[in-house]
Amino acid sequence: MNDINTENIKSQMRRGVLEYCVLSILNKNDAYASSLIGELKAAKMIVVEGTLYPLLTRQKNQGLLNYRWEESLQGPPRKYYSLTEKGKELLAEMDIAWEDLVETIAFLRNKK
């Protein structure tokens, strides 16, 4: 078992749910990238800008997000992201898929 890189496995698992996490956060409030990173870190989902920005761009290009610029008292204007209707629909589908996955894993772990 010493051959297995558990940190790499955990990192891959987090990356796999990152899109879902971002949509979930934006479903509650519009947010800019740094605040998204802060919220993800608070939830122990460590993400760097180099990972988040391409994901946000991809989600916007897929029609899942919109953005608007807002002036900031602390520096340059900020790009605030929000969910589109398509993003909300995908999030609802992801919620169902997540519940199914959690049930499947619970079943498999508890099966004797």
C-alpha atoms as a PDB file:
ATOM      1  CA  MET A   1       0.000   0.000   0.000  1.00  0.00           C
ATOM      2  CA  ASN A   2       3.007   2.288   0.329  1.00  0.00           C
ATOM      3  CA  ASP A   3       3.184   2.426  -3.490  1.00  0.00           C
ATOM      4  CA  ILE A   4      -0.146   4.235  -3.712  1.00  0.00           C
ATOM      5  CA  ASN A   5      -0.052   8.025  -3.751  1.00  0.00           C
ATOM      6  CA  THR A   6      -3.116   8.819  -1.650  1.00  0.00           C
ATOM      7  CA  GLU A   7      -2.668  12.567  -2.068  1.00  0.00           C
ATOM      8  CA  ASN A   8      -2.836  12.134  -5.850  1.00  0.00           C
ATOM      9  CA  ILE A   9      -5.989  10.028  -5.535  1.00  0.00           C
ATOM     10  CA  LYS A  10      -7.623  12.610  -3.257  1.00  0.00           C
ATOM     11  CA  SER A  11      -6.613  15.387  -5.651  1.00  0.00           C
ATOM     12  CA  GLN A  12      -8.203  13.565  -8.592  1.00  0.00           C
ATOM     13  CA  MET A  13     -11.398  13.010  -6.599  1.00  0.00           C
ATOM     14  CA  ARG A  14     -11.581  16.721  -5.690  1.00  0.00           C
ATOM     15  CA  ARG A  15     -10.963  17.731  -9.304  1.00  0.00           C
ATOM     16  CA  GLY A  16     -13.799  15.453 -10.344  1.00  0.00           C
ATOM     17  CA  VAL A  17     -16.327  17.314  -8.201  1.00  0.00           C
ATOM     18  CA  LEU A  18     -14.946  20.834  -8.609  1.00  0.00           C
ATOM     19  CA  GLU A  19     -17.382  21.798 -11.380  1.00  0.00           C
ATOM     20  CA  TYR A  20     -20.274  20.654  -9.194  1.00  0.00           C
ATOM     21  CA  CYS A  21     -18.919  22.634  -6.222  1.00  0.00           C
ATOM     22  CA  VAL A  22     -18.556  25.834  -8.268  1.00  0.00           C
ATOM     23  CA  LEU A  23     -22.102  25.566  -9.630  1.00  0.00           C
ATOM     24  CA  SER A  24     -23.392  24.895  -6.100  1.00  0.00           C
ATOM     25  CA  ILE A  25     -21.701  28.016  -4.724  1.00  0.00           C
ATOM     26  CA  LEU A  26     -22.945  30.199  -7.575  1.00  0.00           C
ATOM     27  CA  ASN A  27     -26.465  28.878  -7.090  1.00  0.00           C
ATOM     28  CA  LYS A  28     -26.502  30.646  -3.699  1.00  0.00           C
ATOM     29  CA  ASN A  29     -24.786  33.914  -4.661  1.00  0.00           C
ATOM     30  CA  ASP A  30     -22.998  35.553  -7.545  1.00  0.00           C
ATOM     31  CA  ALA A  31     -19.257  35.540  -6.875  1.00  0.00           C
ATOM     32  CA  TYR A  32     -15.893  36.569  -8.294  1.00  0.00           C
ATOM     33  CA  ALA A  33     -13.013  34.122  -8.686  1.00  0.00           C
ATOM     34  CA  SER A  34     -11.123  35.026  -5.497  1.00  0.00           C
ATOM     35  CA  SER A  35     -14.257  34.685  -3.385  1.00  0.00           C
ATOM     36  CA  LEU A  36     -14.961  31.303  -5.007  1.00  0.00           C
ATOM     37  CA  ILE A  37     -11.443  30.169  -4.104  1.00  0.00           C
ATOM     38  CA  GLY A  38     -11.946  31.407  -0.534  1.00  0.00           C
ATOM     39  CA  GLU A  39     -15.228  29.545  -0.172  1.00  0.00           C
ATOM     40  CA  LEU A  40     -13.742  26.370  -1.632  1.00  0.00           C
ATOM     41  CA  LYS A  41     -10.735  26.603   0.711  1.00  0.00           C
ATOM     42  CA  ALA A  42     -13.063  27.139   3.693  1.00  0.00           C
ATOM     43  CA  ALA A  43     -14.692  23.846   2.724  1.00  0.00           C
ATOM     44  CA  LYS A  44     -11.206  22.221   2.559  1.00  0.00           C
ATOM     45  CA  MET A  45     -11.383  22.022  -1.230  1.00  0.00           C
ATOM     46  CA  ILE A  46      -7.987  23.481  -2.074  1.00  0.00           C
ATOM     47  CA  VAL A  47      -8.014  25.073  -5.526  1.00  0.00           C
ATOM     48  CA  VAL A  48      -5.597  27.434  -7.226  1.00  0.00           C
ATOM     49  CA  GLU A  49      -6.422  30.151  -9.741  1.00  0.00           C
ATOM     50  CA  GLY A  50      -4.714  28.173 -12.495  1.00  0.00           C
ATOM     51  CA  THR A  51      -7.347  25.466 -12.037  1.00  0.00           C
ATOM     52  CA  LEU A  52     -10.369  27.678 -11.415  1.00  0.00           C
ATOM     53  CA  TYR A  53     -10.084  30.196 -14.262  1.00  0.00           C
ATOM     54  CA  PRO A  54     -10.079  27.613 -17.085  1.00  0.00           C
ATOM     55  CA  LEU A  55     -13.061  25.900 -15.437  1.00  0.00           C
ATOM     56  CA  LEU A  56     -15.001  29.186 -15.239  1.00  0.00           C
ATOM     57  CA  THR A  57     -14.154  29.962 -18.875  1.00  0.00           C
ATOM     58  CA  ARG A  58     -15.288  26.498 -19.961  1.00  0.00           C
ATOM     59  CA  GLN A  59     -18.541  26.790 -17.982  1.00  0.00           C
ATOM     60  CA  LYS A  60     -19.208  30.223 -19.497  1.00  0.00           C
ATOM     61  CA  ASN A  61     -18.522  28.925 -23.023  1.00  0.00           C
ATOM     62  CA  GLN A  62     -20.952  26.057 -22.339  1.00  0.00           C
ATOM     63  CA  GLY A  63     -23.651  28.599 -21.466  1.00  0.00           C
ATOM     64  CA  LEU A  64     -23.734  27.625 -17.778  1.00  0.00           C
ATOM     65  CA  LEU A  65     -22.485  30.979 -16.453  1.00  0.00           C
ATOM     66  CA  ASN A  66     -22.794  34.665 -17.181  1.00  0.00           C
ATOM     67  CA  TYR A  67     -20.556  37.369 -15.811  1.00  0.00           C
ATOM     68  CA  ARG A  68     -20.651  41.080 -15.177  1.00  0.00           C
ATOM     69  CA  TRP A  69     -17.988  43.581 -14.156  1.00  0.00           C
ATOM     70  CA  GLU A  70     -18.400  45.487 -10.886  1.00  0.00           C
ATOM     71  CA  GLU A  71     -16.259  48.268  -9.511  1.00  0.00           C
ATOM     72  CA  SER A  72     -14.326  47.395  -6.376  1.00  0.00           C
ATOM     73  CA  LEU A  73     -13.241  49.655  -3.530  1.00  0.00           C
ATOM     74  CA  GLN A  74     -10.176  47.435  -3.156  1.00  0.00           C
ATOM     75  CA  GLY A  75      -8.508  47.491  -6.548  1.00  0.00           C
ATOM     76  CA  PRO A  76      -9.579  46.851 -10.130  1.00  0.00           C
ATOM     77  CA  PRO A  77     -13.136  45.929 -11.192  1.00  0.00           C
ATOM     78  CA  ARG A  78     -14.180  42.367 -10.420  1.00  0.00           C
ATOM     79  CA  LYS A  79     -15.789  39.862 -12.745  1.00  0.00           C
ATOM     80  CA  TYR A  80     -18.828  38.416 -10.950  1.00  0.00           C
ATOM     81  CA  TYR A  81     -20.132  35.075 -12.185  1.00  0.00           C
ATOM     82  CA  SER A  82     -23.747  33.919 -11.994  1.00  0.00           C
ATOM     83  CA  LEU A  83     -25.646  30.828 -13.087  1.00  0.00           C
ATOM     84  CA  THR A  84     -27.729  30.876 -16.239  1.00  0.00           C
ATOM     85  CA  GLU A  85     -30.949  28.889 -16.511  1.00  0.00           C
ATOM     86  CA  LYS A  86     -28.949  26.208 -18.308  1.00  0.00           C
ATOM     87  CA  GLY A  87     -26.484  26.192 -15.388  1.00  0.00           C
ATOM     88  CA  LYS A  88     -29.338  25.811 -12.896  1.00  0.00           C
ATOM     89  CA  GLU A  89     -30.777  22.928 -14.918  1.00  0.00           C
ATOM     90  CA  LEU A  90     -27.397  21.179 -15.039  1.00  0.00           C
ATOM     91  CA  LEU A  91     -26.936  21.710 -11.296  1.00  0.00           C
ATOM     92  CA  ALA A  92     -30.329  20.078 -10.635  1.00  0.00           C
ATOM     93  CA  GLU A  93     -29.247  17.081 -12.739  1.00  0.00           C
ATOM     94  CA  MET A  94     -25.898  16.963 -10.922  1.00  0.00           C
ATOM     95  CA  ASP A  95     -27.696  17.013  -7.556  1.00  0.00           C
ATOM     96  CA  ILE A  96     -29.606  13.881  -8.568  1.00  0.00           C
ATOM     97  CA  ALA A  97     -26.474  12.215  -9.925  1.00  0.00           C
ATOM     98  CA  TRP A  98     -24.598  13.040  -6.707  1.00  0.00           C
ATOM     99  CA  GLU A  99     -27.337  11.532  -4.518  1.00  0.00           C
ATOM    100  CA  ASP A 100     -27.325   8.404  -6.690  1.00  0.00           C
ATOM    101  CA  LEU A 101     -23.545   8.142  -6.406  1.00  0.00           C
ATOM    102  CA  VAL A 102     -23.598   8.582  -2.616  1.00  0.00           C
ATOM    103  CA  GLU A 103     -26.253   5.852  -2.334  1.00  0.00           C
ATOM    104  CA  THR A 104     -24.255   3.517  -4.583  1.00  0.00           C
ATOM    105  CA  ILE A 105     -21.052   3.996  -2.608  1.00  0.00           C
ATOM    106  CA  ALA A 106     -22.897   3.547   0.718  1.00  0.00           C
ATOM    107  CA  PHE A 107     -24.460   0.356  -0.590  1.00  0.00           C
ATOM    108  CA  LEU A 108     -21.146  -1.040  -1.829  1.00  0.00           C
ATOM    109  CA  ARG A 109     -19.285  -0.131   1.374  1.00  0.00           C
ATOM    110  CA  ASN A 110     -21.935  -1.616   3.636  1.00  0.00           C
ATOM    111  CA  LYS A 111     -22.600  -4.770   1.603  1.00  0.00           C
ATOM    112  CA  LYS A 112     -21.472  -7.905   3.404  1.00  0.00           C
END
